[in-house]
Amino acid sequence: GRLLLVEMVIPRGDEPHFGKIQDLEMLLIP
């Protein structure tokens, strides 16, 4: 069976990505 996770996948290094900001929302709230 297949598992499909629709998520922000954080890239390596200093590349700008909204997931890096959203990760703080995850830290603070859920």
PDB file of all heavy atoms in Angstrom:
ATOM      1  N   GLY A   1       0.821  -1.202   0.000  1.00  0.00           N
ATOM      2  CA  GLY A   1       0.000   0.000   0.000  1.00  0.00           C
ATOM      3  C   GLY A   1       0.857   1.253   0.000  1.00  0.00           C
ATOM      4  O   GLY A   1       2.023   1.242   0.416  1.00  0.00           O
ATOM      5  N   ARG A   2       0.276   2.332  -0.463  1.00  0.00           N
ATOM      6  CA  ARG A   2       1.016   3.576  -0.608  1.00  0.00           C
ATOM      7  C   ARG A   2       0.627   4.596   0.459  1.00  0.00           C
ATOM      8  O   ARG A   2      -0.541   4.710   0.829  1.00  0.00           O
ATOM      9  CB  ARG A   2       0.744   4.197  -1.980  1.00  0.00           C
ATOM     10  CG  ARG A   2       1.939   4.096  -2.923  1.00  0.00           C
ATOM     11  CD  ARG A   2       1.647   4.845  -4.206  1.00  0.00           C
ATOM     12  NE  ARG A   2       0.919   4.036  -5.155  1.00  0.00           N
ATOM     13  CZ  ARG A   2       0.639   4.431  -6.395  1.00  0.00           C
ATOM     14  NH1 ARG A   2       1.032   5.634  -6.805  1.00  0.00           N
ATOM     15  NH2 ARG A   2      -0.026   3.649  -7.210  1.00  0.00           N
ATOM     16  N   LEU A   3       1.605   5.344   0.927  1.00  0.00           N
ATOM     17  CA  LEU A   3       1.413   6.448   1.859  1.00  0.00           C
ATOM     18  C   LEU A   3       1.794   7.733   1.141  1.00  0.00           C
ATOM     19  O   LEU A   3       2.872   7.828   0.536  1.00  0.00           O
ATOM     20  CB  LEU A   3       2.299   6.260   3.090  1.00  0.00           C
ATOM     21  CG  LEU A   3       2.249   7.350   4.152  1.00  0.00           C
ATOM     22  CD1 LEU A   3       0.919   7.280   4.914  1.00  0.00           C
ATOM     23  CD2 LEU A   3       3.422   7.206   5.127  1.00  0.00           C
ATOM     24  N   LEU A   4       0.920   8.738   1.190  1.00  0.00           N
ATOM     25  CA  LEU A   4       1.167  10.018   0.530  1.00  0.00           C
ATOM     26  C   LEU A   4       1.018  11.142   1.553  1.00  0.00           C
ATOM     27  O   LEU A   4      -0.081  11.407   2.032  1.00  0.00           O
ATOM     28  CB  LEU A   4       0.177  10.230  -0.625  1.00  0.00           C
ATOM     29  CG  LEU A   4       0.111   9.134  -1.683  1.00  0.00           C
ATOM     30  CD1 LEU A   4      -1.009   9.411  -2.671  1.00  0.00           C
ATOM     31  CD2 LEU A   4       1.446   9.010  -2.406  1.00  0.00           C
ATOM     32  N   LEU A   5       2.122  11.773   1.892  1.00  0.00           N
ATOM     33  CA  LEU A   5       2.119  12.877   2.846  1.00  0.00           C
ATOM     34  C   LEU A   5       2.347  14.174   2.082  1.00  0.00           C
ATOM     35  O   LEU A   5       3.383  14.356   1.443  1.00  0.00           O
ATOM     36  CB  LEU A   5       3.223  12.702   3.892  1.00  0.00           C
ATOM     37  CG  LEU A   5       3.249  11.390   4.671  1.00  0.00           C
ATOM     38  CD1 LEU A   5       4.403  11.404   5.671  1.00  0.00           C
ATOM     39  CD2 LEU A   5       1.924  11.140   5.366  1.00  0.00           C
ATOM     40  N   VAL A   6       1.371  15.065   2.135  1.00  0.00           N
ATOM     41  CA  VAL A   6       1.502  16.372   1.504  1.00  0.00           C
ATOM     42  C   VAL A   6       2.000  17.335   2.577  1.00  0.00           C
ATOM     43  O   VAL A   6       1.256  17.743   3.465  1.00  0.00           O
ATOM     44  CB  VAL A   6       0.162  16.835   0.900  1.00  0.00           C
ATOM     45  CG1 VAL A   6       0.329  18.193   0.222  1.00  0.00           C
ATOM     46  CG2 VAL A   6      -0.364  15.800  -0.089  1.00  0.00           C
ATOM     47  N   GLU A   7       3.272  17.663   2.506  1.00  0.00           N
ATOM     48  CA  GLU A   7       3.935  18.441   3.551  1.00  0.00           C
ATOM     49  C   GLU A   7       4.974  19.376   2.934  1.00  0.00           C
ATOM     50  O   GLU A   7       5.396  19.188   1.790  1.00  0.00           O
ATOM     51  CB  GLU A   7       4.648  17.511   4.544  1.00  0.00           C
ATOM     52  CG  GLU A   7       3.734  16.570   5.326  1.00  0.00           C
ATOM     53  CD  GLU A   7       3.029  17.242   6.502  1.00  0.00           C
ATOM     54  OE1 GLU A   7       3.189  18.483   6.668  1.00  0.00           O
ATOM     55  OE2 GLU A   7       2.324  16.546   7.241  1.00  0.00           O
ATOM     56  N   MET A   8       5.392  20.357   3.695  1.00  0.00           N
ATOM     57  CA  MET A   8       6.539  21.172   3.316  1.00  0.00           C
ATOM     58  C   MET A   8       7.804  20.391   3.680  1.00  0.00           C
ATOM     59  O   MET A   8       7.974  20.011   4.836  1.00  0.00           O
ATOM     60  CB  MET A   8       6.526  22.509   4.037  1.00  0.00           C
ATOM     61  CG  MET A   8       5.369  23.394   3.645  1.00  0.00           C
ATOM     62  SD  MET A   8       5.490  25.026   4.424  1.00  0.00           S
ATOM     63  CE  MET A   8       3.855  25.668   4.048  1.00  0.00           C
ATOM     64  N   VAL A   9       8.646  20.139   2.709  1.00  0.00           N
ATOM     65  CA  VAL A   9       9.903  19.436   2.949  1.00  0.00           C
ATOM     66  C   VAL A   9      11.020  20.471   2.941  1.00  0.00           C
ATOM     67  O   VAL A   9      11.254  21.145   1.936  1.00  0.00           O
ATOM     68  CB  VAL A   9      10.149  18.351   1.889  1.00  0.00           C
ATOM     69  CG1 VAL A   9      11.486  17.652   2.135  1.00  0.00           C
ATOM     70  CG2 VAL A   9       9.004  17.328   1.892  1.00  0.00           C
ATOM     71  N   ILE A  10      11.685  20.608   4.065  1.00  0.00           N
ATOM     72  CA  ILE A  10      12.689  21.670   4.224  1.00  0.00           C
ATOM     73  C   ILE A  10      13.948  21.335   3.431  1.00  0.00           C
ATOM     74  O   ILE A  10      14.530  20.255   3.606  1.00  0.00           O
ATOM     75  CB  ILE A  10      13.028  21.883   5.700  1.00  0.00           C
ATOM     76  CG1 ILE A  10      11.793  22.406   6.447  1.00  0.00           C
ATOM     77  CG2 ILE A  10      14.190  22.849   5.858  1.00  0.00           C
ATOM     78  CD1 ILE A  10      12.028  22.706   7.900  1.00  0.00           C
ATOM     79  N   PRO A  11      14.389  22.245   2.564  1.00  0.00           N
ATOM     80  CA  PRO A  11      15.624  22.000   1.815  1.00  0.00           C
ATOM     81  C   PRO A  11      16.849  22.216   2.687  1.00  0.00           C
ATOM     82  O   PRO A  11      16.782  22.846   3.747  1.00  0.00           O
ATOM     83  CB  PRO A  11      15.555  23.035   0.687  1.00  0.00           C
ATOM     84  CG  PRO A  11      14.766  24.164   1.278  1.00  0.00           C
ATOM     85  CD  PRO A  11      13.760  23.519   2.196  1.00  0.00           C
ATOM     86  N   ARG A  12      17.956  21.718   2.210  1.00  0.00           N
ATOM     87  CA  ARG A  12      19.206  21.879   2.949  1.00  0.00           C
ATOM     88  C   ARG A  12      19.747  23.292   2.793  1.00  0.00           C
ATOM     89  O   ARG A  12      19.402  24.020   1.877  1.00  0.00           O
ATOM     90  CB  ARG A  12      20.244  20.878   2.429  1.00  0.00           C
ATOM     91  CG  ARG A  12      19.869  19.420   2.670  1.00  0.00           C
ATOM     92  CD  ARG A  12      20.912  18.498   2.072  1.00  0.00           C
ATOM     93  NE  ARG A  12      20.599  17.097   2.303  1.00  0.00           N
ATOM     94  CZ  ARG A  12      21.304  16.084   1.809  1.00  0.00           C
ATOM     95  NH1 ARG A  12      22.373  16.323   1.067  1.00  0.00           N
ATOM     96  NH2 ARG A  12      20.938  14.836   2.066  1.00  0.00           N
ATOM     97  N   GLY A  13      20.649  23.658   3.692  1.00  0.00           N
ATOM     98  CA  GLY A  13      21.359  24.925   3.578  1.00  0.00           C
ATOM     99  C   GLY A  13      20.489  26.133   3.851  1.00  0.00           C
ATOM    100  O   GLY A  13      19.466  26.056   4.521  1.00  0.00           O
ATOM    101  N   ASP A  14      20.892  27.271   3.294  1.00  0.00           N
ATOM    102  CA  ASP A  14      20.249  28.545   3.569  1.00  0.00           C
ATOM    103  C   ASP A  14      19.198  28.929   2.528  1.00  0.00           C
ATOM    104  O   ASP A  14      18.742  30.075   2.497  1.00  0.00           O
ATOM    105  CB  ASP A  14      21.304  29.662   3.628  1.00  0.00           C
ATOM    106  CG  ASP A  14      22.250  29.497   4.809  1.00  0.00           C
ATOM    107  OD1 ASP A  14      21.840  28.853   5.791  1.00  0.00           O
ATOM    108  OD2 ASP A  14      23.379  30.007   4.735  1.00  0.00           O
ATOM    109  N   GLU A  15      18.820  28.007   1.683  1.00  0.00           N
ATOM    110  CA  GLU A  15      17.819  28.306   0.652  1.00  0.00           C
ATOM    111  C   GLU A  15      16.525  28.799   1.295  1.00  0.00           C
ATOM    112  O   GLU A  15      16.003  28.175   2.216  1.00  0.00           O
ATOM    113  CB  GLU A  15      17.535  27.044  -0.167  1.00  0.00           C
ATOM    114  CG  GLU A  15      16.470  27.217  -1.233  1.00  0.00           C
ATOM    115  CD  GLU A  15      16.152  25.912  -1.944  1.00  0.00           C
ATOM    116  OE1 GLU A  15      16.998  24.997  -1.943  1.00  0.00           O
ATOM    117  OE2 GLU A  15      15.038  25.813  -2.503  1.00  0.00           O
ATOM    118  N   PRO A  16      15.982  29.939   0.830  1.00  0.00           N
ATOM    119  CA  PRO A  16      14.714  30.429   1.405  1.00  0.00           C
ATOM    120  C   PRO A  16      13.584  29.428   1.151  1.00  0.00           C
ATOM    121  O   PRO A  16      13.462  28.886   0.053  1.00  0.00           O
ATOM    122  CB  PRO A  16      14.467  31.737   0.646  1.00  0.00           C
ATOM    123  CG  PRO A  16      15.789  32.130   0.076  1.00  0.00           C
ATOM    124  CD  PRO A  16      16.511  30.843  -0.196  1.00  0.00           C
ATOM    125  N   HIS A  17      12.774  29.176   2.157  1.00  0.00           N
ATOM    126  CA  HIS A  17      11.633  28.271   2.016  1.00  0.00           C
ATOM    127  C   HIS A  17      10.660  28.581   3.144  1.00  0.00           C
ATOM    128  O   HIS A  17      11.060  28.687   4.311  1.00  0.00           O
ATOM    129  CB  HIS A  17      12.070  26.808   2.078  1.00  0.00           C
ATOM    130  CG  HIS A  17      11.014  25.848   1.619  1.00  0.00           C
ATOM    131  ND1 HIS A  17       9.986  25.438   2.433  1.00  0.00           N
ATOM    132  CD2 HIS A  17      10.828  25.227   0.424  1.00  0.00           C
ATOM    133  CE1 HIS A  17       9.205  24.595   1.759  1.00  0.00           C
ATOM    134  NE2 HIS A  17       9.688  24.459   0.542  1.00  0.00           N
ATOM    135  N   PHE A  18       9.371  28.721   2.814  1.00  0.00           N
ATOM    136  CA  PHE A  18       8.393  29.069   3.828  1.00  0.00           C
ATOM    137  C   PHE A  18       8.303  28.003   4.917  1.00  0.00           C
ATOM    138  O   PHE A  18       7.920  28.298   6.053  1.00  0.00           O
ATOM    139  CB  PHE A  18       7.016  29.295   3.196  1.00  0.00           C
ATOM    140  CG  PHE A  18       5.986  29.778   4.175  1.00  0.00           C
ATOM    141  CD1 PHE A  18       6.146  30.982   4.836  1.00  0.00           C
ATOM    142  CD2 PHE A  18       4.866  29.021   4.455  1.00  0.00           C
ATOM    143  CE1 PHE A  18       5.211  31.439   5.752  1.00  0.00           C
ATOM    144  CE2 PHE A  18       3.919  29.460   5.370  1.00  0.00           C
ATOM    145  CZ  PHE A  18       4.089  30.670   6.021  1.00  0.00           C
ATOM    146  N   GLY A  19       8.670  26.768   4.595  1.00  0.00           N
ATOM    147  CA  GLY A  19       8.645  25.711   5.603  1.00  0.00           C
ATOM    148  C   GLY A  19       9.523  26.013   6.800  1.00  0.00           C
ATOM    149  O   GLY A  19       9.236  25.567   7.920  1.00  0.00           O
ATOM    150  N   LYS A  20      10.570  26.787   6.609  1.00  0.00           N
ATOM    151  CA  LYS A  20      11.462  27.120   7.716  1.00  0.00           C
ATOM    152  C   LYS A  20      10.794  28.098   8.687  1.00  0.00           C
ATOM    153  O   LYS A  20      11.093  28.084   9.887  1.00  0.00           O
ATOM    154  CB  LYS A  20      12.770  27.711   7.173  1.00  0.00           C
ATOM    155  CG  LYS A  20      13.570  26.700   6.352  1.00  0.00           C
ATOM    156  CD  LYS A  20      14.819  27.306   5.748  1.00  0.00           C
ATOM    157  CE  LYS A  20      15.586  26.273   4.937  1.00  0.00           C
ATOM    158  NZ  LYS A  20      16.815  26.810   4.325  1.00  0.00           N
ATOM    159  N   ILE A  21       9.906  28.941   8.172  1.00  0.00           N
ATOM    160  CA  ILE A  21       9.127  29.828   9.024  1.00  0.00           C
ATOM    161  C   ILE A  21       7.956  29.069   9.647  1.00  0.00           C
ATOM    162  O   ILE A  21       7.675  29.194  10.844  1.00  0.00           O
ATOM    163  CB  ILE A  21       8.613  31.031   8.218  1.00  0.00           C
ATOM    164  CG1 ILE A  21       9.784  31.792   7.581  1.00  0.00           C
ATOM    165  CG2 ILE A  21       7.772  31.954   9.083  1.00  0.00           C
ATOM    166  CD1 ILE A  21      10.762  32.371   8.576  1.00  0.00           C
ATOM    167  N   GLN A  22       7.302  28.252   8.826  1.00  0.00           N
ATOM    168  CA  GLN A  22       6.181  27.454   9.321  1.00  0.00           C
ATOM    169  C   GLN A  22       6.616  26.507  10.431  1.00  0.00           C
ATOM    170  O   GLN A  22       5.838  26.189  11.336  1.00  0.00           O
ATOM    171  CB  GLN A  22       5.567  26.656   8.158  1.00  0.00           C
ATOM    172  CG  GLN A  22       4.378  25.776   8.511  1.00  0.00           C
ATOM    173  CD  GLN A  22       3.118  26.566   8.827  1.00  0.00           C
ATOM    174  OE1 GLN A  22       3.084  27.774   8.651  1.00  0.00           O
ATOM    175  NE2 GLN A  22       2.089  25.887   9.282  1.00  0.00           N
ATOM    176  N   ASP A  23       7.851  26.069  10.392  1.00  0.00           N
ATOM    177  CA  ASP A  23       8.378  25.194  11.433  1.00  0.00           C
ATOM    178  C   ASP A  23       8.306  25.852  12.810  1.00  0.00           C
ATOM    179  O   ASP A  23       8.111  25.175  13.824  1.00  0.00           O
ATOM    180  CB  ASP A  23       9.826  24.830  11.097  1.00  0.00           C
ATOM    181  CG  ASP A  23      10.434  23.869  12.102  1.00  0.00           C
ATOM    182  OD1 ASP A  23       9.819  22.820  12.373  1.00  0.00           O
ATOM    183  OD2 ASP A  23      11.515  24.177  12.636  1.00  0.00           O
ATOM    184  N   LEU A  24       8.426  27.178  12.866  1.00  0.00           N
ATOM    185  CA  LEU A  24       8.307  27.884  14.140  1.00  0.00           C
ATOM    186  C   LEU A  24       6.869  27.864  14.652  1.00  0.00           C
ATOM    187  O   LEU A  24       6.641  27.772  15.862  1.00  0.00           O
ATOM    188  CB  LEU A  24       8.812  29.320  13.989  1.00  0.00           C
ATOM    189  CG  LEU A  24      10.272  29.471  13.563  1.00  0.00           C
ATOM    190  CD1 LEU A  24      10.638  30.945  13.421  1.00  0.00           C
ATOM    191  CD2 LEU A  24      11.202  28.768  14.544  1.00  0.00           C
ATOM    192  N   GLU A  25       5.911  27.961  13.745  1.00  0.00           N
ATOM    193  CA  GLU A  25       4.507  27.807  14.130  1.00  0.00           C
ATOM    194  C   GLU A  25       4.279  26.433  14.763  1.00  0.00           C
ATOM    195  O   GLU A  25       3.562  26.290  15.754  1.00  0.00           O
ATOM    196  CB  GLU A  25       3.616  27.974  12.886  1.00  0.00           C
ATOM    197  CG  GLU A  25       2.152  27.702  13.114  1.00  0.00           C
ATOM    198  CD  GLU A  25       1.337  28.930  13.513  1.00  0.00           C
ATOM    199  OE1 GLU A  25       1.937  29.979  13.810  1.00  0.00           O
ATOM    200  OE2 GLU A  25       0.104  28.836  13.529  1.00  0.00           O
ATOM    201  N   MET A  26       4.916  25.423  14.194  1.00  0.00           N
ATOM    202  CA  MET A  26       4.793  24.066  14.737  1.00  0.00           C
ATOM    203  C   MET A  26       5.431  23.971  16.124  1.00  0.00           C
ATOM    204  O   MET A  26       4.894  23.330  17.031  1.00  0.00           O
ATOM    205  CB  MET A  26       5.456  23.052  13.798  1.00  0.00           C
ATOM    206  CG  MET A  26       4.824  22.949  12.412  1.00  0.00           C
ATOM    207  SD  MET A  26       3.080  22.490  12.487  1.00  0.00           S
ATOM    208  CE  MET A  26       2.287  24.085  12.222  1.00  0.00           C
ATOM    209  N   LEU A  27       6.574  24.603  16.300  1.00  0.00           N
ATOM    210  CA  LEU A  27       7.255  24.606  17.595  1.00  0.00           C
ATOM    211  C   LEU A  27       6.396  25.270  18.661  1.00  0.00           C
ATOM    212  O   LEU A  27       6.219  24.724  19.761  1.00  0.00           O
ATOM    213  CB  LEU A  27       8.593  25.339  17.473  1.00  0.00           C
ATOM    214  CG  LEU A  27       9.327  25.658  18.778  1.00  0.00           C
ATOM    215  CD1 LEU A  27       9.782  24.385  19.477  1.00  0.00           C
ATOM    216  CD2 LEU A  27      10.517  26.581  18.508  1.00  0.00           C
ATOM    217  N   LEU A  28       5.842  26.423  18.351  1.00  0.00           N
ATOM    218  CA  LEU A  28       5.135  27.226  19.347  1.00  0.00           C
ATOM    219  C   LEU A  28       3.737  26.715  19.668  1.00  0.00           C
ATOM    220  O   LEU A  28       3.277  26.852  20.801  1.00  0.00           O
ATOM    221  CB  LEU A  28       5.027  28.678  18.877  1.00  0.00           C
ATOM    222  CG  LEU A  28       6.148  29.631  19.291  1.00  0.00           C
ATOM    223  CD1 LEU A  28       7.498  29.185  18.774  1.00  0.00           C
ATOM    224  CD2 LEU A  28       5.845  31.044  18.769  1.00  0.00           C
ATOM    225  N   ILE A  29       3.061  26.141  18.674  1.00  0.00           N
ATOM    226  CA  ILE A  29       1.628  25.891  18.862  1.00  0.00           C
ATOM    227  C   ILE A  29       1.292  24.407  19.013  1.00  0.00           C
ATOM    228  O   ILE A  29       0.957  23.981  20.119  1.00  0.00           O
ATOM    229  CB  ILE A  29       0.815  26.605  17.768  1.00  0.00           C
ATOM    230  CG1 ILE A  29       1.052  28.123  17.915  1.00  0.00           C
ATOM    231  CG2 ILE A  29      -0.669  26.275  17.871  1.00  0.00           C
ATOM    232  CD1 ILE A  29       0.302  28.996  16.959  1.00  0.00           C
ATOM    233  N   PRO A  30       1.379  23.557  17.989  1.00  0.00           N
ATOM    234  CA  PRO A  30       1.009  22.164  18.251  1.00  0.00           C
ATOM    235  C   PRO A  30       2.138  21.323  18.828  1.00  0.00           C
ATOM    236  O   PRO A  30       1.897  20.243  19.374  1.00  0.00           O
ATOM    237  CB  PRO A  30       0.580  21.647  16.879  1.00  0.00           C
ATOM    238  CG  PRO A  30       1.396  22.431  15.925  1.00  0.00           C
ATOM    239  CD  PRO A  30       1.573  23.799  16.548  1.00  0.00           C
TER     240      PRO A  30
END
